[in-house]
Amino acid sequence: MSDEKKWAFIVNPIAGNGFARKYVPTIRKHVENRKLDYTLVFTEKKGHAIELARDFAAKGYTHIIAVGGDGTMNETATGIMEQNVTFGIIPAGTGNDFVPILGFNEHFSENDWKIFLHENTIEIDVGICNGNYFLNGMGLGFDAQVASENYTDGEVKKGSSKKYFWHIIKTLLFYHEKPMSVINEEDENQSLCFINTIGNGRRFGGGYFLTPQAISNDGYFDICMVEKLSLYERFRLFTRVPKGTHISDKKVKYYKTNKLLIQFNEKVPYHLDGEMYYDEQFIINIMPRNLKIIYNPEGEHYFNN
């Protein structure tokens, strides 16, 4: 291990309803067994991981690691964007949807740790919407509404993992589609939006494969657009999403593109890697192979060689 390598672990202590904080001794054990030169810090507020990551990169840290859920991942990656550092994710949140895309388990085994510390890296695409980055994906419509009800002041509500399913059922029952305009490279269309997912990864919401064919370094988003559905159609389609078989349904439009312009008539909720925002116009582009990240080449990952 080179002495020039410096590792920073940015831990969101409330991630996973406090699991991330309890996991710190395990992190220390593994990195100290490898005799890494490292610093471990806790975030204190929303957006703090961005500041910490940016500061570590400026100080010459070579490896900056997010410890938490997808939101912590998003913030930490945002702080090092355009920097020559190696990024990594140790899953410790209620939502760990992107980590399996990298070939790791949702909760690290001893073998995951061994492979993670081997530092195999790959360059992945990064999405950007209205100036904000995302690694896994962006959601408008139904899934954004579910996510918005699961947040308070920018944080996941305590106990949300138990309540998340009920937010889904309630939204399936009562969500009202909103008219939108979508412009991509090929055409422009108007529709009522039930779901419009822009995927760089495959999995959202703790195991729902909304964009099951996404490759995270092919230079394209996978788009899953579902127009207005009856109540019966909503539940029928919902049962197919966990395995990704919904994309063959006639109500689903599934395609690839590298940029989108989406317009609503009012501000609507949307999420980037589970982090909530509100807007009415969305300028969405992809930054091909823009982030170097640790992955498991031996696992079931979703990248082009």
C-alpha atoms as a PDB file:
ATOM      1  CA  MET A   1       0.000   0.000   0.000  1.00  0.00           C
ATOM      2  CA  SER A   2       1.537   3.293  -1.065  1.00  0.00           C
ATOM      3  CA  ASP A   3       2.199   5.894   1.640  1.00  0.00           C
ATOM      4  CA  GLU A   4       0.899   8.526  -0.746  1.00  0.00           C
ATOM      5  CA  LYS A   5      -2.664   7.258  -0.478  1.00  0.00           C
ATOM      6  CA  LYS A   6      -4.903   9.072   1.976  1.00  0.00           C
ATOM      7  CA  TRP A   7      -8.425   7.866   2.711  1.00  0.00           C
ATOM      8  CA  ALA A   8     -11.353   9.878   4.045  1.00  0.00           C
ATOM      9  CA  PHE A   9     -14.523   8.189   5.307  1.00  0.00           C
ATOM     10  CA  ILE A  10     -17.539  10.511   5.472  1.00  0.00           C
ATOM     11  CA  VAL A  11     -20.161   8.959   7.744  1.00  0.00           C
ATOM     12  CA  ASN A  12     -23.776  10.088   7.995  1.00  0.00           C
ATOM     13  CA  PRO A  13     -24.453   9.033  11.607  1.00  0.00           C
ATOM     14  CA  ILE A  14     -28.239   8.990  11.251  1.00  0.00           C
ATOM     15  CA  ALA A  15     -28.233   6.866   8.072  1.00  0.00           C
ATOM     16  CA  GLY A  16     -30.024   3.559   8.442  1.00  0.00           C
ATOM     17  CA  ASN A  17     -31.770   4.889  11.564  1.00  0.00           C
ATOM     18  CA  GLY A  18     -28.390   5.101  13.283  1.00  0.00           C
ATOM     19  CA  PHE A  19     -26.821   1.990  11.773  1.00  0.00           C
ATOM     20  CA  ALA A  20     -24.012   3.984  10.135  1.00  0.00           C
ATOM     21  CA  ARG A  21     -22.775   5.302  13.478  1.00  0.00           C
ATOM     22  CA  LYS A  22     -22.828   1.808  14.998  1.00  0.00           C
ATOM     23  CA  TYR A  23     -20.900   0.497  11.994  1.00  0.00           C
ATOM     24  CA  VAL A  24     -17.898   2.769  12.571  1.00  0.00           C
ATOM     25  CA  PRO A  25     -15.931   0.240  14.714  1.00  0.00           C
ATOM     26  CA  THR A  26     -16.206  -2.273  11.858  1.00  0.00           C
ATOM     27  CA  ILE A  27     -14.886   0.310   9.398  1.00  0.00           C
ATOM     28  CA  ARG A  28     -11.980   1.163  11.681  1.00  0.00           C
ATOM     29  CA  LYS A  29     -11.124  -2.511  12.145  1.00  0.00           C
ATOM     30  CA  HIS A  30     -10.865  -3.189   8.432  1.00  0.00           C
ATOM     31  CA  VAL A  31      -8.951  -0.065   7.448  1.00  0.00           C
ATOM     32  CA  GLU A  32      -6.549  -0.343  10.376  1.00  0.00           C
ATOM     33  CA  ASN A  33      -5.888  -4.004   9.564  1.00  0.00           C
ATOM     34  CA  ARG A  34      -4.792  -2.769   6.140  1.00  0.00           C
ATOM     35  CA  LYS A  35      -2.713  -0.009   7.773  1.00  0.00           C
ATOM     36  CA  LEU A  36      -4.383   2.695   5.714  1.00  0.00           C
ATOM     37  CA  ASP A  37      -3.681   6.370   6.295  1.00  0.00           C
ATOM     38  CA  TYR A  38      -7.220   7.522   6.974  1.00  0.00           C
ATOM     39  CA  THR A  39      -9.522  10.081   8.552  1.00  0.00           C
ATOM     40  CA  LEU A  40     -13.116   9.389   9.566  1.00  0.00           C
ATOM     41  CA  VAL A  41     -15.611  12.195  10.113  1.00  0.00           C
ATOM     42  CA  PHE A  42     -19.341  12.508  10.777  1.00  0.00           C
ATOM     43  CA  THR A  43     -21.726  14.753   8.887  1.00  0.00           C
ATOM     44  CA  GLU A  44     -23.706  17.211  10.995  1.00  0.00           C
ATOM     45  CA  LYS A  45     -26.397  18.510   8.652  1.00  0.00           C
ATOM     46  CA  LYS A  46     -27.882  18.202   5.186  1.00  0.00           C
ATOM     47  CA  GLY A  47     -25.285  19.167   2.583  1.00  0.00           C
ATOM     48  CA  HIS A  48     -22.373  18.717   4.979  1.00  0.00           C
ATOM     49  CA  ALA A  49     -20.951  15.738   3.067  1.00  0.00           C
ATOM     50  CA  ILE A  50     -20.527  17.982   0.015  1.00  0.00           C
ATOM     51  CA  GLU A  51     -18.439  20.442   2.044  1.00  0.00           C
ATOM     52  CA  LEU A  52     -16.382  17.717   3.702  1.00  0.00           C
ATOM     53  CA  ALA A  53     -15.663  15.874   0.442  1.00  0.00           C
ATOM     54  CA  ARG A  54     -14.666  19.081  -1.303  1.00  0.00           C
ATOM     55  CA  ASP A  55     -12.334  19.978   1.561  1.00  0.00           C
ATOM     56  CA  PHE A  56     -10.721  16.514   1.628  1.00  0.00           C
ATOM     57  CA  ALA A  57     -10.126  16.640  -2.127  1.00  0.00           C
ATOM     58  CA  ALA A  58      -8.510  20.075  -1.800  1.00  0.00           C
ATOM     59  CA  LYS A  59      -6.201  18.699   0.917  1.00  0.00           C
ATOM     60  CA  GLY A  60      -4.960  15.942  -1.385  1.00  0.00           C
ATOM     61  CA  TYR A  61      -6.916  12.931  -0.135  1.00  0.00           C
ATOM     62  CA  THR A  62      -6.835  10.263  -2.837  1.00  0.00           C
ATOM     63  CA  HIS A  63      -9.780   8.083  -1.710  1.00  0.00           C
ATOM     64  CA  ILE A  64     -13.023   9.619  -0.452  1.00  0.00           C
ATOM     65  CA  ILE A  65     -15.637   7.172   0.784  1.00  0.00           C
ATOM     66  CA  ALA A  66     -19.319   7.748   1.565  1.00  0.00           C
ATOM     67  CA  VAL A  67     -20.753   5.760   4.480  1.00  0.00           C
ATOM     68  CA  GLY A  68     -24.545   5.865   4.531  1.00  0.00           C
ATOM     69  CA  GLY A  69     -27.390   5.550   2.078  1.00  0.00           C
ATOM     70  CA  ASP A  70     -27.934   6.852  -1.424  1.00  0.00           C
ATOM     71  CA  GLY A  71     -28.304  10.435  -0.186  1.00  0.00           C
ATOM     72  CA  THR A  72     -24.896  10.362   1.501  1.00  0.00           C
ATOM     73  CA  MET A  73     -23.487   8.823  -1.676  1.00  0.00           C
ATOM     74  CA  ASN A  74     -24.959  11.662  -3.725  1.00  0.00           C
ATOM     75  CA  GLU A  75     -23.633  14.442  -1.531  1.00  0.00           C
ATOM     76  CA  THR A  76     -20.129  12.989  -1.232  1.00  0.00           C
ATOM     77  CA  ALA A  77     -19.867  12.415  -4.981  1.00  0.00           C
ATOM     78  CA  THR A  78     -21.072  15.961  -5.615  1.00  0.00           C
ATOM     79  CA  GLY A  79     -18.227  17.298  -3.481  1.00  0.00           C
ATOM     80  CA  ILE A  80     -15.534  15.532  -5.507  1.00  0.00           C
ATOM     81  CA  MET A  81     -16.974  15.963  -8.983  1.00  0.00           C
ATOM     82  CA  GLU A  82     -14.282  16.951 -11.498  1.00  0.00           C
ATOM     83  CA  GLN A  83     -11.557  16.030  -8.975  1.00  0.00           C
ATOM     84  CA  ASN A  84      -8.900  13.379  -9.554  1.00  0.00           C
ATOM     85  CA  VAL A  85      -9.861  11.150  -6.611  1.00  0.00           C
ATOM     86  CA  THR A  86     -11.186   7.632  -6.138  1.00  0.00           C
ATOM     87  CA  PHE A  87     -14.756   7.443  -4.837  1.00  0.00           C
ATOM     88  CA  GLY A  88     -16.266   4.566  -2.897  1.00  0.00           C
ATOM     89  CA  ILE A  89     -19.492   3.637  -1.118  1.00  0.00           C
ATOM     90  CA  ILE A  90     -19.923   1.639   2.076  1.00  0.00           C
ATOM     91  CA  PRO A  91     -23.665   0.932   2.349  1.00  0.00           C
ATOM     92  CA  ALA A  92     -25.170   1.844   5.723  1.00  0.00           C
ATOM     93  CA  GLY A  93     -28.511   3.496   4.945  1.00  0.00           C
ATOM     94  CA  THR A  94     -32.175   2.617   4.634  1.00  0.00           C
ATOM     95  CA  GLY A  95     -31.759   2.891   0.878  1.00  0.00           C
ATOM     96  CA  ASN A  96     -28.679   1.269  -0.654  1.00  0.00           C
ATOM     97  CA  ASP A  97     -29.872   0.915  -4.223  1.00  0.00           C
ATOM     98  CA  PHE A  98     -26.722   1.806  -6.127  1.00  0.00           C
ATOM     99  CA  VAL A  99     -24.235  -0.411  -4.290  1.00  0.00           C
ATOM    100  CA  PRO A 100     -25.498  -3.696  -5.858  1.00  0.00           C
ATOM    101  CA  ILE A 101     -24.901  -2.108  -9.279  1.00  0.00           C
ATOM    102  CA  LEU A 102     -21.222  -2.033  -8.272  1.00  0.00           C
ATOM    103  CA  GLY A 103     -21.217  -5.774  -7.588  1.00  0.00           C
ATOM    104  CA  PHE A 104     -21.270  -5.527  -3.780  1.00  0.00           C
ATOM    105  CA  ASN A 105     -23.874  -6.726  -1.285  1.00  0.00           C
ATOM    106  CA  GLU A 106     -26.251  -4.227   0.298  1.00  0.00           C
ATOM    107  CA  HIS A 107     -24.508  -4.933   3.608  1.00  0.00           C
ATOM    108  CA  PHE A 108     -20.813  -5.710   3.356  1.00  0.00           C
ATOM    109  CA  SER A 109     -19.641  -9.242   4.035  1.00  0.00           C
ATOM    110  CA  GLU A 110     -16.028 -10.018   4.915  1.00  0.00           C
ATOM    111  CA  ASN A 111     -15.451 -10.786   1.237  1.00  0.00           C
ATOM    112  CA  ASP A 112     -16.982  -7.452   0.201  1.00  0.00           C
ATOM    113  CA  TRP A 113     -14.523  -5.689   2.471  1.00  0.00           C
ATOM    114  CA  LYS A 114     -11.617  -7.670   1.063  1.00  0.00           C
ATOM    115  CA  ILE A 115     -12.547  -6.789  -2.524  1.00  0.00           C
ATOM    116  CA  PHE A 116     -13.397  -3.166  -1.669  1.00  0.00           C
ATOM    117  CA  LEU A 117      -9.953  -2.593  -0.179  1.00  0.00           C
ATOM    118  CA  HIS A 118      -8.320  -4.048  -3.300  1.00  0.00           C
ATOM    119  CA  GLU A 119      -9.421  -0.778  -4.935  1.00  0.00           C
ATOM    120  CA  ASN A 120     -10.592  -2.092  -8.311  1.00  0.00           C
ATOM    121  CA  THR A 121     -11.999   0.953 -10.062  1.00  0.00           C
ATOM    122  CA  ILE A 122     -14.139   1.779 -13.057  1.00  0.00           C
ATOM    123  CA  GLU A 123     -15.323   5.077 -14.531  1.00  0.00           C
ATOM    124  CA  ILE A 124     -19.095   5.599 -14.444  1.00  0.00           C
ATOM    125  CA  ASP A 125     -21.504   8.071 -15.978  1.00  0.00           C
ATOM    126  CA  VAL A 126     -22.955  10.910 -13.924  1.00  0.00           C
ATOM    127  CA  GLY A 127     -26.308  12.556 -14.517  1.00  0.00           C
ATOM    128  CA  ILE A 128     -26.932  16.246 -14.020  1.00  0.00           C
ATOM    129  CA  CYS A 129     -30.324  17.933 -13.673  1.00  0.00           C
ATOM    130  CA  ASN A 130     -30.689  21.692 -13.225  1.00  0.00           C
ATOM    131  CA  GLY A 131     -27.107  21.848 -11.975  1.00  0.00           C
ATOM    132  CA  ASN A 132     -27.402  18.980  -9.454  1.00  0.00           C
ATOM    133  CA  TYR A 133     -25.646  15.630  -9.916  1.00  0.00           C
ATOM    134  CA  PHE A 134     -26.995  12.102  -9.594  1.00  0.00           C
ATOM    135  CA  LEU A 135     -25.375   8.684  -9.875  1.00  0.00           C
ATOM    136  CA  ASN A 136     -28.243   6.218  -9.645  1.00  0.00           C
ATOM    137  CA  GLY A 137     -31.199   8.059 -11.086  1.00  0.00           C
ATOM    138  CA  MET A 138     -33.886  10.675 -11.092  1.00  0.00           C
ATOM    139  CA  GLY A 139     -37.584  10.197 -10.463  1.00  0.00           C
ATOM    140  CA  LEU A 140     -40.657  12.234 -11.370  1.00  0.00           C
ATOM    141  CA  GLY A 141     -44.279  11.381 -10.706  1.00  0.00           C
ATOM    142  CA  PHE A 142     -45.325   8.468  -8.516  1.00  0.00           C
ATOM    143  CA  ASP A 143     -41.919   7.538  -7.068  1.00  0.00           C
ATOM    144  CA  ALA A 144     -41.037  11.185  -6.391  1.00  0.00           C
ATOM    145  CA  GLN A 145     -44.315  11.620  -4.524  1.00  0.00           C
ATOM    146  CA  VAL A 146     -43.547   8.547  -2.397  1.00  0.00           C
ATOM    147  CA  ALA A 147     -40.058   9.877  -1.651  1.00  0.00           C
ATOM    148  CA  SER A 148     -41.378  13.339  -0.754  1.00  0.00           C
ATOM    149  CA  GLU A 149     -43.732  11.863   1.832  1.00  0.00           C
ATOM    150  CA  ASN A 150     -40.813   9.972   3.340  1.00  0.00           C
ATOM    151  CA  TYR A 151     -38.823  13.142   4.057  1.00  0.00           C
ATOM    152  CA  THR A 152     -38.952  15.910   6.637  1.00  0.00           C
ATOM    153  CA  ASP A 153     -36.677  18.934   6.226  1.00  0.00           C
ATOM    154  CA  GLY A 154     -34.384  17.031   3.897  1.00  0.00           C
ATOM    155  CA  GLU A 155     -33.965  13.958   6.075  1.00  0.00           C
ATOM    156  CA  VAL A 156     -35.530  10.514   5.920  1.00  0.00           C
ATOM    157  CA  LYS A 157     -38.168  10.190   8.608  1.00  0.00           C
ATOM    158  CA  LYS A 158     -37.233   7.938  11.500  1.00  0.00           C
ATOM    159  CA  GLY A 159     -38.721   4.502  11.019  1.00  0.00           C
ATOM    160  CA  SER A 160     -39.223   5.215   7.310  1.00  0.00           C
ATOM    161  CA  SER A 161     -38.111   1.733   6.237  1.00  0.00           C
ATOM    162  CA  LYS A 162     -41.205   0.338   7.974  1.00  0.00           C
ATOM    163  CA  LYS A 163     -43.538   2.994   6.603  1.00  0.00           C
ATOM    164  CA  TYR A 164     -42.193   3.163   3.051  1.00  0.00           C
ATOM    165  CA  PHE A 165     -44.423   0.368   1.777  1.00  0.00           C
ATOM    166  CA  TRP A 166     -47.520   2.138   3.085  1.00  0.00           C
ATOM    167  CA  HIS A 167     -46.497   5.375   1.382  1.00  0.00           C
ATOM    168  CA  ILE A 168     -46.362   3.355  -1.844  1.00  0.00           C
ATOM    169  CA  ILE A 169     -49.852   1.909  -1.335  1.00  0.00           C
ATOM    170  CA  LYS A 170     -51.343   5.295  -0.439  1.00  0.00           C
ATOM    171  CA  THR A 171     -49.768   6.918  -3.477  1.00  0.00           C
ATOM    172  CA  LEU A 172     -50.941   4.097  -5.745  1.00  0.00           C
ATOM    173  CA  LEU A 173     -54.470   4.772  -4.523  1.00  0.00           C
ATOM    174  CA  PHE A 174     -54.565   8.563  -4.610  1.00  0.00           C
ATOM    175  CA  TYR A 175     -51.856   9.943  -6.910  1.00  0.00           C
ATOM    176  CA  HIS A 176     -53.101  12.276  -9.684  1.00  0.00           C
ATOM    177  CA  GLU A 177     -51.039  12.385 -12.882  1.00  0.00           C
ATOM    178  CA  LYS A 178     -49.889  15.811 -14.055  1.00  0.00           C
ATOM    179  CA  PRO A 179     -49.469  16.950 -17.672  1.00  0.00           C
ATOM    180  CA  MET A 180     -45.904  17.254 -18.909  1.00  0.00           C
ATOM    181  CA  SER A 181     -43.924  17.865 -22.059  1.00  0.00           C
ATOM    182  CA  VAL A 182     -40.911  15.662 -22.818  1.00  0.00           C
ATOM    183  CA  ILE A 183     -38.321  16.537 -25.459  1.00  0.00           C
ATOM    184  CA  ASN A 184     -35.493  14.135 -26.291  1.00  0.00           C
ATOM    185  CA  GLU A 185     -33.198  13.695 -29.270  1.00  0.00           C
ATOM    186  CA  GLU A 186     -35.891  12.076 -31.412  1.00  0.00           C
ATOM    187  CA  ASP A 187     -39.217  13.701 -30.612  1.00  0.00           C
ATOM    188  CA  GLU A 188     -41.444  15.763 -28.355  1.00  0.00           C
ATOM    189  CA  ASN A 189     -44.563  14.456 -26.700  1.00  0.00           C
ATOM    190  CA  GLN A 190     -47.201  15.590 -24.257  1.00  0.00           C
ATOM    191  CA  SER A 191     -48.550  13.189 -21.663  1.00  0.00           C
ATOM    192  CA  LEU A 192     -49.931  12.703 -18.191  1.00  0.00           C
ATOM    193  CA  CYS A 193     -47.077  11.460 -16.042  1.00  0.00           C
ATOM    194  CA  PHE A 194     -47.576   8.552 -13.645  1.00  0.00           C
ATOM    195  CA  ILE A 195     -43.905   7.587 -13.585  1.00  0.00           C
ATOM    196  CA  ASN A 196     -40.950   9.094 -15.411  1.00  0.00           C
ATOM    197  CA  THR A 197     -37.696   7.536 -14.201  1.00  0.00           C
ATOM    198  CA  ILE A 198     -34.333   8.548 -15.616  1.00  0.00           C
ATOM    199  CA  GLY A 199     -31.983   5.721 -14.702  1.00  0.00           C
ATOM    200  CA  ASN A 200     -28.212   5.491 -14.698  1.00  0.00           C
ATOM    201  CA  GLY A 201     -28.491   2.576 -12.284  1.00  0.00           C
ATOM    202  CA  ARG A 202     -31.208  -0.091 -12.259  1.00  0.00           C
ATOM    203  CA  ARG A 203     -32.742  -0.143  -8.799  1.00  0.00           C
ATOM    204  CA  PHE A 204     -34.778   2.366  -6.784  1.00  0.00           C
ATOM    205  CA  GLY A 205     -36.807   2.498  -3.575  1.00  0.00           C
ATOM    206  CA  GLY A 206     -35.086  -0.440  -1.898  1.00  0.00           C
ATOM    207  CA  GLY A 207     -35.375  -3.049  -4.619  1.00  0.00           C
ATOM    208  CA  TYR A 208     -37.647  -1.829  -7.440  1.00  0.00           C
ATOM    209  CA  PHE A 209     -36.029  -2.354 -10.845  1.00  0.00           C
ATOM    210  CA  LEU A 210     -37.607   0.551 -12.695  1.00  0.00           C
ATOM    211  CA  THR A 211     -34.817   0.697 -15.315  1.00  0.00           C
ATOM    212  CA  PRO A 212     -33.677  -2.945 -15.402  1.00  0.00           C
ATOM    213  CA  GLN A 213     -31.551  -2.663 -18.550  1.00  0.00           C
ATOM    214  CA  ALA A 214     -29.459   0.345 -17.513  1.00  0.00           C
ATOM    215  CA  ILE A 215     -25.687   0.183 -17.978  1.00  0.00           C
ATOM    216  CA  SER A 216     -23.945   2.742 -15.788  1.00  0.00           C
ATOM    217  CA  ASN A 217     -21.126   3.619 -18.174  1.00  0.00           C
ATOM    218  CA  ASP A 218     -22.701   3.425 -21.646  1.00  0.00           C
ATOM    219  CA  GLY A 219     -23.204   7.170 -22.049  1.00  0.00           C
ATOM    220  CA  TYR A 220     -26.994   6.899 -21.945  1.00  0.00           C
ATOM    221  CA  PHE A 221     -29.864   7.106 -19.500  1.00  0.00           C
ATOM    222  CA  ASP A 222     -32.534   4.434 -19.512  1.00  0.00           C
ATOM    223  CA  ILE A 223     -35.952   6.082 -19.465  1.00  0.00           C
ATOM    224  CA  CYS A 224     -39.013   4.357 -18.049  1.00  0.00           C
ATOM    225  CA  MET A 225     -42.098   6.460 -18.760  1.00  0.00           C
ATOM    226  CA  VAL A 226     -45.527   5.310 -17.652  1.00  0.00           C
ATOM    227  CA  GLU A 227     -48.545   7.352 -18.699  1.00  0.00           C
ATOM    228  CA  LYS A 228     -51.896   7.615 -16.919  1.00  0.00           C
ATOM    229  CA  LEU A 229     -53.155   4.328 -15.462  1.00  0.00           C
ATOM    230  CA  SER A 230     -56.375   3.080 -13.971  1.00  0.00           C
ATOM    231  CA  LEU A 231     -56.257   1.913 -10.352  1.00  0.00           C
ATOM    232  CA  TYR A 232     -56.251  -1.729 -11.475  1.00  0.00           C
ATOM    233  CA  GLU A 233     -53.410  -1.035 -13.941  1.00  0.00           C
ATOM    234  CA  ARG A 234     -51.357   0.666 -11.236  1.00  0.00           C
ATOM    235  CA  PHE A 235     -51.466  -2.355  -8.946  1.00  0.00           C
ATOM    236  CA  ARG A 236     -50.938  -4.787 -11.817  1.00  0.00           C
ATOM    237  CA  LEU A 237     -47.867  -2.899 -13.009  1.00  0.00           C
ATOM    238  CA  PHE A 238     -46.556  -2.434  -9.468  1.00  0.00           C
ATOM    239  CA  THR A 239     -46.344  -6.207  -8.956  1.00  0.00           C
ATOM    240  CA  ARG A 240     -44.073  -6.501 -12.000  1.00  0.00           C
ATOM    241  CA  VAL A 241     -41.584  -3.756 -11.084  1.00  0.00           C
ATOM    242  CA  PRO A 242     -39.531  -5.724  -8.486  1.00  0.00           C
ATOM    243  CA  LYS A 243     -38.337  -8.082 -11.229  1.00  0.00           C
ATOM    244  CA  GLY A 244     -38.218  -5.471 -13.976  1.00  0.00           C
ATOM    245  CA  THR A 245     -40.763  -7.247 -16.185  1.00  0.00           C
ATOM    246  CA  HIS A 246     -43.004  -4.170 -16.350  1.00  0.00           C
ATOM    247  CA  ILE A 247     -41.065  -2.774 -19.317  1.00  0.00           C
ATOM    248  CA  SER A 248     -42.828  -5.167 -21.698  1.00  0.00           C
ATOM    249  CA  ASP A 249     -46.223  -3.725 -20.730  1.00  0.00           C
ATOM    250  CA  LYS A 250     -48.005  -1.728 -23.425  1.00  0.00           C
ATOM    251  CA  LYS A 251     -48.478   1.172 -20.991  1.00  0.00           C
ATOM    252  CA  VAL A 252     -44.716   1.546 -20.552  1.00  0.00           C
ATOM    253  CA  LYS A 253     -42.416   3.462 -22.885  1.00  0.00           C
ATOM    254  CA  TYR A 254     -38.800   2.371 -22.333  1.00  0.00           C
ATOM    255  CA  TYR A 255     -35.891   3.858 -24.259  1.00  0.00           C
ATOM    256  CA  LYS A 256     -32.340   5.251 -24.033  1.00  0.00           C
ATOM    257  CA  THR A 257     -31.206   8.838 -24.475  1.00  0.00           C
ATOM    258  CA  ASN A 258     -28.356  11.067 -23.336  1.00  0.00           C
ATOM    259  CA  LYS A 259     -30.393  14.214 -22.699  1.00  0.00           C
ATOM    260  CA  LEU A 260     -33.926  15.309 -21.905  1.00  0.00           C
ATOM    261  CA  LEU A 261     -35.937  18.474 -21.420  1.00  0.00           C
ATOM    262  CA  ILE A 262     -39.074  18.021 -19.309  1.00  0.00           C
ATOM    263  CA  GLN A 263     -41.624  20.747 -18.605  1.00  0.00           C
ATOM    264  CA  PHE A 264     -44.573  20.800 -16.180  1.00  0.00           C
ATOM    265  CA  ASN A 265     -47.144  23.561 -15.682  1.00  0.00           C
ATOM    266  CA  GLU A 266     -46.318  23.842 -11.963  1.00  0.00           C
ATOM    267  CA  LYS A 267     -43.592  22.931  -9.516  1.00  0.00           C
ATOM    268  CA  VAL A 268     -43.540  19.205  -8.812  1.00  0.00           C
ATOM    269  CA  PRO A 269     -41.421  17.006  -6.512  1.00  0.00           C
ATOM    270  CA  TYR A 270     -38.540  15.056  -7.973  1.00  0.00           C
ATOM    271  CA  HIS A 271     -35.665  13.124  -6.494  1.00  0.00           C
ATOM    272  CA  LEU A 272     -32.018  12.711  -7.422  1.00  0.00           C
ATOM    273  CA  ASP A 273     -30.688   9.555  -5.744  1.00  0.00           C
ATOM    274  CA  GLY A 274     -33.539   9.924  -3.262  1.00  0.00           C
ATOM    275  CA  GLU A 275     -32.747  13.558  -2.379  1.00  0.00           C
ATOM    276  CA  MET A 276     -35.814  15.786  -2.776  1.00  0.00           C
ATOM    277  CA  TYR A 277     -36.175  18.895  -4.927  1.00  0.00           C
ATOM    278  CA  TYR A 278     -39.057  20.843  -6.505  1.00  0.00           C
ATOM    279  CA  ASP A 279     -39.162  22.497  -9.915  1.00  0.00           C
ATOM    280  CA  GLU A 280     -41.255  22.811 -13.080  1.00  0.00           C
ATOM    281  CA  GLN A 281     -38.595  22.569 -15.797  1.00  0.00           C
ATOM    282  CA  PHE A 282     -35.849  19.943 -15.932  1.00  0.00           C
ATOM    283  CA  ILE A 283     -32.741  20.138 -18.106  1.00  0.00           C
ATOM    284  CA  ILE A 284     -31.132  16.689 -17.872  1.00  0.00           C
ATOM    285  CA  ASN A 285     -27.783  15.657 -19.346  1.00  0.00           C
ATOM    286  CA  ILE A 286     -25.279  12.857 -18.892  1.00  0.00           C
ATOM    287  CA  MET A 287     -21.542  13.201 -18.218  1.00  0.00           C
ATOM    288  CA  PRO A 288     -19.984  10.011 -19.659  1.00  0.00           C
ATOM    289  CA  ARG A 289     -17.473   8.148 -17.470  1.00  0.00           C
ATOM    290  CA  ASN A 290     -16.984  11.165 -15.239  1.00  0.00           C
ATOM    291  CA  LEU A 291     -16.392   9.501 -11.854  1.00  0.00           C
ATOM    292  CA  LYS A 292     -13.830   6.875 -10.807  1.00  0.00           C
ATOM    293  CA  ILE A 293     -15.431   4.489  -8.343  1.00  0.00           C
ATOM    294  CA  ILE A 294     -14.466   1.300  -6.494  1.00  0.00           C
ATOM    295  CA  TYR A 295     -16.382  -1.758  -7.745  1.00  0.00           C
ATOM    296  CA  ASN A 296     -16.330  -5.546  -7.521  1.00  0.00           C
ATOM    297  CA  PRO A 297     -15.189  -7.052 -10.847  1.00  0.00           C
ATOM    298  CA  GLU A 298     -16.017 -10.520  -9.504  1.00  0.00           C
ATOM    299  CA  GLY A 299     -19.646  -9.688  -8.651  1.00  0.00           C
ATOM    300  CA  GLU A 300     -22.728  -9.132 -10.776  1.00  0.00           C
ATOM    301  CA  HIS A 301     -22.099  -5.569 -11.811  1.00  0.00           C
ATOM    302  CA  TYR A 302     -23.710  -3.585 -14.631  1.00  0.00           C
ATOM    303  CA  PHE A 303     -20.978  -1.961 -16.710  1.00  0.00           C
ATOM    304  CA  ASN A 304     -19.525  -2.208 -20.176  1.00  0.00           C
ATOM    305  CA  ASN A 305     -15.912  -3.349 -20.191  1.00  0.00           C
END
